[in-house]
């Protein structure tokens, strides 16, 4: 394993685990053995990453986030401060449910806003946007913007993080980049 990553002196890394090139792991973060962290990631203060968690490349995880077993973050995901992930639907202290973990996948480029909760067993699509404080209790489509408790879809977002406004033919342009998107059968694709 190369040492071309940064680990703050207060962080705890339980080897063996995989940490990619140019990744920065900050104060009081704890990585359990057998987790995988990609290249060019930033893990903020007080982040916990459980065994078997997979984090892609260029992922930013802000302070006070715990990624429990069963969570996978694809490339370029942003996870805001104090986001909560679960991995069991009906936890009880006295009941071992490790064989009931449900998996959660966060798609490429998705954003999960500060103080959101993601209930286990759901997929958050690529470039989806979960607004701050939302509670995700169902799958979120690619490019969808969801808000609230429970999170409900309120629109669509571009890969650049701009709200997409579709015309009557189902086309929209990203206001920042000019990239074109199409909405058909409640699915968005970038053209």
C-alpha atoms as a PDB file:
ATOM      1  CA  UNK A   1       0.000   0.000   0.000  1.00  0.00           C
ATOM      2  CA  UNK A   2       1.338   3.431  -0.885  1.00  0.00           C
ATOM      3  CA  UNK A   3       1.385   6.250   1.643  1.00  0.00           C
ATOM      4  CA  UNK A   4       0.478   9.017  -0.793  1.00  0.00           C
ATOM      5  CA  UNK A   5      -2.535  10.073   1.288  1.00  0.00           C
ATOM      6  CA  UNK A   6      -2.882  12.203   4.431  1.00  0.00           C
ATOM      7  CA  UNK A   7      -4.143  10.946   7.787  1.00  0.00           C
ATOM      8  CA  UNK A   8      -4.363  13.466  10.637  1.00  0.00           C
ATOM      9  CA  UNK A   9      -2.561  12.355  13.808  1.00  0.00           C
ATOM     10  CA  UNK A  10      -5.850  12.118  15.744  1.00  0.00           C
ATOM     11  CA  UNK A  11      -7.517   9.848  13.150  1.00  0.00           C
ATOM     12  CA  UNK A  12      -7.682   6.083  13.689  1.00  0.00           C
ATOM     13  CA  UNK A  13      -7.155   3.770  10.724  1.00  0.00           C
ATOM     14  CA  UNK A  14      -7.612   0.046  11.334  1.00  0.00           C
ATOM     15  CA  UNK A  15      -5.501  -1.640   8.666  1.00  0.00           C
ATOM     16  CA  UNK A  16      -5.899  -3.453   6.413  1.00  0.00           C
ATOM     17  CA  UNK A  17      -8.038  -1.038   4.479  1.00  0.00           C
ATOM     18  CA  UNK A  18      -7.654   0.679   1.138  1.00  0.00           C
ATOM     19  CA  UNK A  19      -7.016   4.445   0.944  1.00  0.00           C
ATOM     20  CA  UNK A  20      -6.524   6.072  -2.452  1.00  0.00           C
ATOM     21  CA  UNK A  21      -3.927   8.545  -3.618  1.00  0.00           C
ATOM     22  CA  UNK A  22      -4.311  12.195  -2.506  1.00  0.00           C
ATOM     23  CA  UNK A  23      -7.108  11.384  -0.043  1.00  0.00           C
ATOM     24  CA  UNK A  24      -7.243  13.468   3.145  1.00  0.00           C
ATOM     25  CA  UNK A  25      -8.562  12.038   6.398  1.00  0.00           C
ATOM     26  CA  UNK A  26      -9.085  14.676   9.068  1.00  0.00           C
ATOM     27  CA  UNK A  27      -9.386  15.017  12.866  1.00  0.00           C
ATOM     28  CA  UNK A  28     -10.926  12.204  14.930  1.00  0.00           C
ATOM     29  CA  UNK A  29     -12.030  10.187  11.900  1.00  0.00           C
ATOM     30  CA  UNK A  30     -12.148   6.398  12.258  1.00  0.00           C
ATOM     31  CA  UNK A  31     -11.749   3.951   9.370  1.00  0.00           C
ATOM     32  CA  UNK A  32     -12.496   0.316  10.193  1.00  0.00           C
ATOM     33  CA  UNK A  33     -10.509  -2.501   8.605  1.00  0.00           C
ATOM     34  CA  UNK A  34     -11.570  -3.694   5.157  1.00  0.00           C
ATOM     35  CA  UNK A  35     -13.212  -0.447   4.054  1.00  0.00           C
ATOM     36  CA  UNK A  36     -12.274   1.087   0.702  1.00  0.00           C
ATOM     37  CA  UNK A  37     -11.706   4.811   0.190  1.00  0.00           C
ATOM     38  CA  UNK A  38     -10.951   6.050  -3.342  1.00  0.00           C
ATOM     39  CA  UNK A  39      -8.556   8.679  -4.661  1.00  0.00           C
ATOM     40  CA  UNK A  40      -8.816  12.441  -4.056  1.00  0.00           C
ATOM     41  CA  UNK A  41     -11.401  12.069  -1.271  1.00  0.00           C
ATOM     42  CA  UNK A  42     -11.862  14.355   1.719  1.00  0.00           C
ATOM     43  CA  UNK A  43     -13.188  12.880   4.963  1.00  0.00           C
ATOM     44  CA  UNK A  44     -13.903  15.669   7.426  1.00  0.00           C
ATOM     45  CA  UNK A  45     -13.692  15.734  11.183  1.00  0.00           C
ATOM     46  CA  UNK A  46     -15.326  12.925  13.195  1.00  0.00           C
ATOM     47  CA  UNK A  47     -16.278  10.707  10.232  1.00  0.00           C
ATOM     48  CA  UNK A  48     -16.781   6.974  10.846  1.00  0.00           C
ATOM     49  CA  UNK A  49     -16.434   4.405   8.040  1.00  0.00           C
ATOM     50  CA  UNK A  50     -17.380   0.810   8.872  1.00  0.00           C
ATOM     51  CA  UNK A  51     -15.853  -2.366   7.470  1.00  0.00           C
ATOM     52  CA  UNK A  52     -16.947  -3.263   3.934  1.00  0.00           C
ATOM     53  CA  UNK A  53     -18.057   0.304   3.117  1.00  0.00           C
ATOM     54  CA  UNK A  54     -16.947   1.415  -0.351  1.00  0.00           C
ATOM     55  CA  UNK A  55     -16.268   5.083  -1.128  1.00  0.00           C
ATOM     56  CA  UNK A  56     -15.431   6.024  -4.729  1.00  0.00           C
ATOM     57  CA  UNK A  57     -13.066   8.674  -6.069  1.00  0.00           C
ATOM     58  CA  UNK A  58     -13.376  12.437  -5.437  1.00  0.00           C
ATOM     59  CA  UNK A  59     -15.975  11.943  -2.681  1.00  0.00           C
ATOM     60  CA  UNK A  60     -16.390  14.645  -0.025  1.00  0.00           C
ATOM     61  CA  UNK A  61     -17.746  13.574   3.348  1.00  0.00           C
ATOM     62  CA  UNK A  62     -18.279  16.473   5.731  1.00  0.00           C
ATOM     63  CA  UNK A  63     -18.002  16.440   9.545  1.00  0.00           C
ATOM     64  CA  UNK A  64     -19.925  14.079  11.826  1.00  0.00           C
ATOM     65  CA  UNK A  65     -21.028  11.481   9.250  1.00  0.00           C
ATOM     66  CA  UNK A  66     -21.133   7.725   9.912  1.00  0.00           C
ATOM     67  CA  UNK A  67     -21.110   5.292   6.992  1.00  0.00           C
ATOM     68  CA  UNK A  68     -22.275   1.946   8.341  1.00  0.00           C
ATOM     69  CA  UNK A  69     -21.847  -1.488   6.735  1.00  0.00           C
ATOM     70  CA  UNK A  70     -23.892  -1.726   3.558  1.00  0.00           C
ATOM     71  CA  UNK A  71     -23.254   1.800   2.273  1.00  0.00           C
ATOM     72  CA  UNK A  72     -21.587   2.364  -1.100  1.00  0.00           C
ATOM     73  CA  UNK A  73     -20.796   5.842  -2.439  1.00  0.00           C
ATOM     74  CA  UNK A  74     -19.918   6.043  -6.111  1.00  0.00           C
ATOM     75  CA  UNK A  75     -17.520   8.664  -7.507  1.00  0.00           C
ATOM     76  CA  UNK A  76     -17.961  12.391  -6.854  1.00  0.00           C
ATOM     77  CA  UNK A  77     -20.603  12.067  -4.137  1.00  0.00           C
ATOM     78  CA  UNK A  78     -21.019  14.936  -1.671  1.00  0.00           C
ATOM     79  CA  UNK A  79     -22.279  14.111   1.828  1.00  0.00           C
ATOM     80  CA  UNK A  80     -23.057  17.150   3.969  1.00  0.00           C
ATOM     81  CA  UNK A  81     -22.402  17.587   7.686  1.00  0.00           C
ATOM     82  CA  UNK A  82     -24.193  15.287  10.139  1.00  0.00           C
ATOM     83  CA  UNK A  83     -25.886  13.102   7.519  1.00  0.00           C
ATOM     84  CA  UNK A  84     -27.178   9.855   9.047  1.00  0.00           C
ATOM     85  CA  UNK A  85     -27.197   6.473   7.294  1.00  0.00           C
ATOM     86  CA  UNK A  86     -28.887   3.394   8.750  1.00  0.00           C
ATOM     87  CA  UNK A  87     -28.404  -0.273   7.883  1.00  0.00           C
ATOM     88  CA  UNK A  88     -31.212  -2.072   9.752  1.00  0.00           C
ATOM     89  CA  UNK A  89     -34.922  -1.217   9.533  1.00  0.00           C
ATOM     90  CA  UNK A  90     -35.936  -2.349  13.016  1.00  0.00           C
ATOM     91  CA  UNK A  91     -32.914  -2.240  15.346  1.00  0.00           C
ATOM     92  CA  UNK A  92     -33.078  -3.570  18.895  1.00  0.00           C
ATOM     93  CA  UNK A  93     -30.149  -3.572  21.263  1.00  0.00           C
ATOM     94  CA  UNK A  94     -30.818  -7.127  22.444  1.00  0.00           C
ATOM     95  CA  UNK A  95     -31.477  -8.572  18.958  1.00  0.00           C
ATOM     96  CA  UNK A  96     -28.563  -9.294  16.604  1.00  0.00           C
ATOM     97  CA  UNK A  97     -29.661  -8.299  13.103  1.00  0.00           C
ATOM     98  CA  UNK A  98     -26.296  -8.214  11.310  1.00  0.00           C
ATOM     99  CA  UNK A  99     -27.668 -10.742   8.818  1.00  0.00           C
ATOM    100  CA  UNK A 100     -30.505  -8.292   8.026  1.00  0.00           C
ATOM    101  CA  UNK A 101     -28.365  -5.336   6.907  1.00  0.00           C
ATOM    102  CA  UNK A 102     -29.905  -3.543   3.936  1.00  0.00           C
ATOM    103  CA  UNK A 103     -27.699  -1.939   1.328  1.00  0.00           C
ATOM    104  CA  UNK A 104     -27.696   1.702   0.301  1.00  0.00           C
ATOM    105  CA  UNK A 105     -26.057   2.953  -2.892  1.00  0.00           C
ATOM    106  CA  UNK A 106     -25.369   6.639  -3.530  1.00  0.00           C
ATOM    107  CA  UNK A 107     -24.969   7.192  -7.284  1.00  0.00           C
ATOM    108  CA  UNK A 108     -22.205   9.121  -9.012  1.00  0.00           C
ATOM    109  CA  UNK A 109     -22.260  12.871  -8.414  1.00  0.00           C
ATOM    110  CA  UNK A 110     -25.193  12.786  -5.963  1.00  0.00           C
ATOM    111  CA  UNK A 111     -25.494  15.318  -3.137  1.00  0.00           C
ATOM    112  CA  UNK A 112     -26.922  14.568   0.306  1.00  0.00           C
ATOM    113  CA  UNK A 113     -27.581  17.805   2.198  1.00  0.00           C
ATOM    114  CA  UNK A 114     -26.664  18.528   5.815  1.00  0.00           C
ATOM    115  CA  UNK A 115     -28.604  16.759   8.580  1.00  0.00           C
ATOM    116  CA  UNK A 116     -30.396  14.409   6.177  1.00  0.00           C
ATOM    117  CA  UNK A 117     -31.232  10.824   7.102  1.00  0.00           C
ATOM    118  CA  UNK A 118     -31.033   8.005   4.568  1.00  0.00           C
ATOM    119  CA  UNK A 119     -33.036   4.960   5.671  1.00  0.00           C
ATOM    120  CA  UNK A 120     -31.292   1.776   4.558  1.00  0.00           C
ATOM    121  CA  UNK A 121     -32.200  -0.309   1.542  1.00  0.00           C
ATOM    122  CA  UNK A 122     -32.550   2.527  -0.958  1.00  0.00           C
ATOM    123  CA  UNK A 123     -30.749   3.747  -4.039  1.00  0.00           C
ATOM    124  CA  UNK A 124     -29.999   7.414  -4.552  1.00  0.00           C
ATOM    125  CA  UNK A 125     -29.552   7.950  -8.274  1.00  0.00           C
ATOM    126  CA  UNK A 126     -26.669   9.596 -10.058  1.00  0.00           C
ATOM    127  CA  UNK A 127     -26.587  13.378  -9.727  1.00  0.00           C
ATOM    128  CA  UNK A 128     -29.633  13.293  -7.438  1.00  0.00           C
ATOM    129  CA  UNK A 129     -29.941  16.088  -4.889  1.00  0.00           C
ATOM    130  CA  UNK A 130     -31.271  15.454  -1.376  1.00  0.00           C
ATOM    131  CA  UNK A 131     -32.031  18.776   0.317  1.00  0.00           C
ATOM    132  CA  UNK A 132     -30.786  19.558   3.815  1.00  0.00           C
ATOM    133  CA  UNK A 133     -32.759  17.928   6.621  1.00  0.00           C
ATOM    134  CA  UNK A 134     -34.585  15.472   4.345  1.00  0.00           C
ATOM    135  CA  UNK A 135     -35.483  11.916   5.348  1.00  0.00           C
ATOM    136  CA  UNK A 136     -35.056   9.488   2.443  1.00  0.00           C
ATOM    137  CA  UNK A 137     -37.478   6.551   2.773  1.00  0.00           C
ATOM    138  CA  UNK A 138     -37.578   5.390  -0.878  1.00  0.00           C
ATOM    139  CA  UNK A 139     -35.378   5.233  -3.978  1.00  0.00           C
ATOM    140  CA  UNK A 140     -34.452   8.590  -5.543  1.00  0.00           C
ATOM    141  CA  UNK A 141     -34.222   8.676  -9.367  1.00  0.00           C
ATOM    142  CA  UNK A 142     -31.203   9.945 -11.297  1.00  0.00           C
ATOM    143  CA  UNK A 143     -31.122  13.777 -11.388  1.00  0.00           C
ATOM    144  CA  UNK A 144     -34.096  14.078  -8.999  1.00  0.00           C
ATOM    145  CA  UNK A 145     -34.282  16.782  -6.327  1.00  0.00           C
ATOM    146  CA  UNK A 146     -36.031  15.652  -3.132  1.00  0.00           C
ATOM    147  CA  UNK A 147     -36.896  17.605   0.011  1.00  0.00           C
ATOM    148  CA  UNK A 148     -38.697  17.107   3.306  1.00  0.00           C
ATOM    149  CA  UNK A 149     -39.735  14.413   5.739  1.00  0.00           C
ATOM    150  CA  UNK A 150     -40.415  12.054   4.150  1.00  0.00           C
ATOM    151  CA  UNK A 151     -38.414  13.259   1.141  1.00  0.00           C
ATOM    152  CA  UNK A 152     -40.600  14.033  -1.871  1.00  0.00           C
ATOM    153  CA  UNK A 153     -39.481  14.885  -5.351  1.00  0.00           C
ATOM    154  CA  UNK A 154     -39.846  18.585  -6.123  1.00  0.00           C
ATOM    155  CA  UNK A 155     -37.846  18.861  -9.345  1.00  0.00           C
ATOM    156  CA  UNK A 156     -34.767  17.879 -11.301  1.00  0.00           C
ATOM    157  CA  UNK A 157     -31.095  18.913 -11.086  1.00  0.00           C
ATOM    158  CA  UNK A 158     -28.312  19.111 -13.645  1.00  0.00           C
ATOM    159  CA  UNK A 159     -24.916  17.491 -13.175  1.00  0.00           C
ATOM    160  CA  UNK A 160     -23.683  20.994 -12.311  1.00  0.00           C
ATOM    161  CA  UNK A 161     -26.198  21.272  -9.440  1.00  0.00           C
ATOM    162  CA  UNK A 162     -28.631  23.656 -11.126  1.00  0.00           C
ATOM    163  CA  UNK A 163     -32.409  23.274 -11.154  1.00  0.00           C
ATOM    164  CA  UNK A 164     -33.692  22.065 -14.524  1.00  0.00           C
ATOM    165  CA  UNK A 165     -36.863  23.599 -15.957  1.00  0.00           C
ATOM    166  CA  UNK A 166     -38.281  21.390 -18.699  1.00  0.00           C
ATOM    167  CA  UNK A 167     -40.304  22.814 -21.601  1.00  0.00           C
ATOM    168  CA  UNK A 168     -43.514  21.212 -22.885  1.00  0.00           C
ATOM    169  CA  UNK A 169     -41.470  18.991 -25.246  1.00  0.00           C
ATOM    170  CA  UNK A 170     -39.483  17.645 -22.274  1.00  0.00           C
ATOM    171  CA  UNK A 171     -36.166  19.446 -22.840  1.00  0.00           C
ATOM    172  CA  UNK A 172     -34.129  21.632 -20.480  1.00  0.00           C
ATOM    173  CA  UNK A 173     -30.773  23.386 -20.508  1.00  0.00           C
ATOM    174  CA  UNK A 174     -28.494  23.652 -17.504  1.00  0.00           C
ATOM    175  CA  UNK A 175     -28.366  27.397 -16.730  1.00  0.00           C
ATOM    176  CA  UNK A 176     -24.636  27.162 -15.883  1.00  0.00           C
ATOM    177  CA  UNK A 177     -23.238  24.921 -18.616  1.00  0.00           C
ATOM    178  CA  UNK A 178     -25.832  24.933 -21.412  1.00  0.00           C
ATOM    179  CA  UNK A 179     -25.869  21.127 -21.399  1.00  0.00           C
ATOM    180  CA  UNK A 180     -29.145  19.669 -22.653  1.00  0.00           C
ATOM    181  CA  UNK A 181     -31.349  17.216 -20.753  1.00  0.00           C
ATOM    182  CA  UNK A 182     -34.465  15.305 -21.718  1.00  0.00           C
ATOM    183  CA  UNK A 183     -37.345  14.239 -19.467  1.00  0.00           C
ATOM    184  CA  UNK A 184     -39.337  11.241 -20.679  1.00  0.00           C
ATOM    185  CA  UNK A 185     -41.482   8.785 -18.674  1.00  0.00           C
ATOM    186  CA  UNK A 186     -40.357  10.484 -15.429  1.00  0.00           C
ATOM    187  CA  UNK A 187     -36.694   9.825 -16.213  1.00  0.00           C
ATOM    188  CA  UNK A 188     -34.016  12.372 -17.044  1.00  0.00           C
ATOM    189  CA  UNK A 189     -31.047  11.793 -19.329  1.00  0.00           C
ATOM    190  CA  UNK A 190     -28.279  14.143 -20.359  1.00  0.00           C
ATOM    191  CA  UNK A 191     -28.049  14.436 -24.132  1.00  0.00           C
END
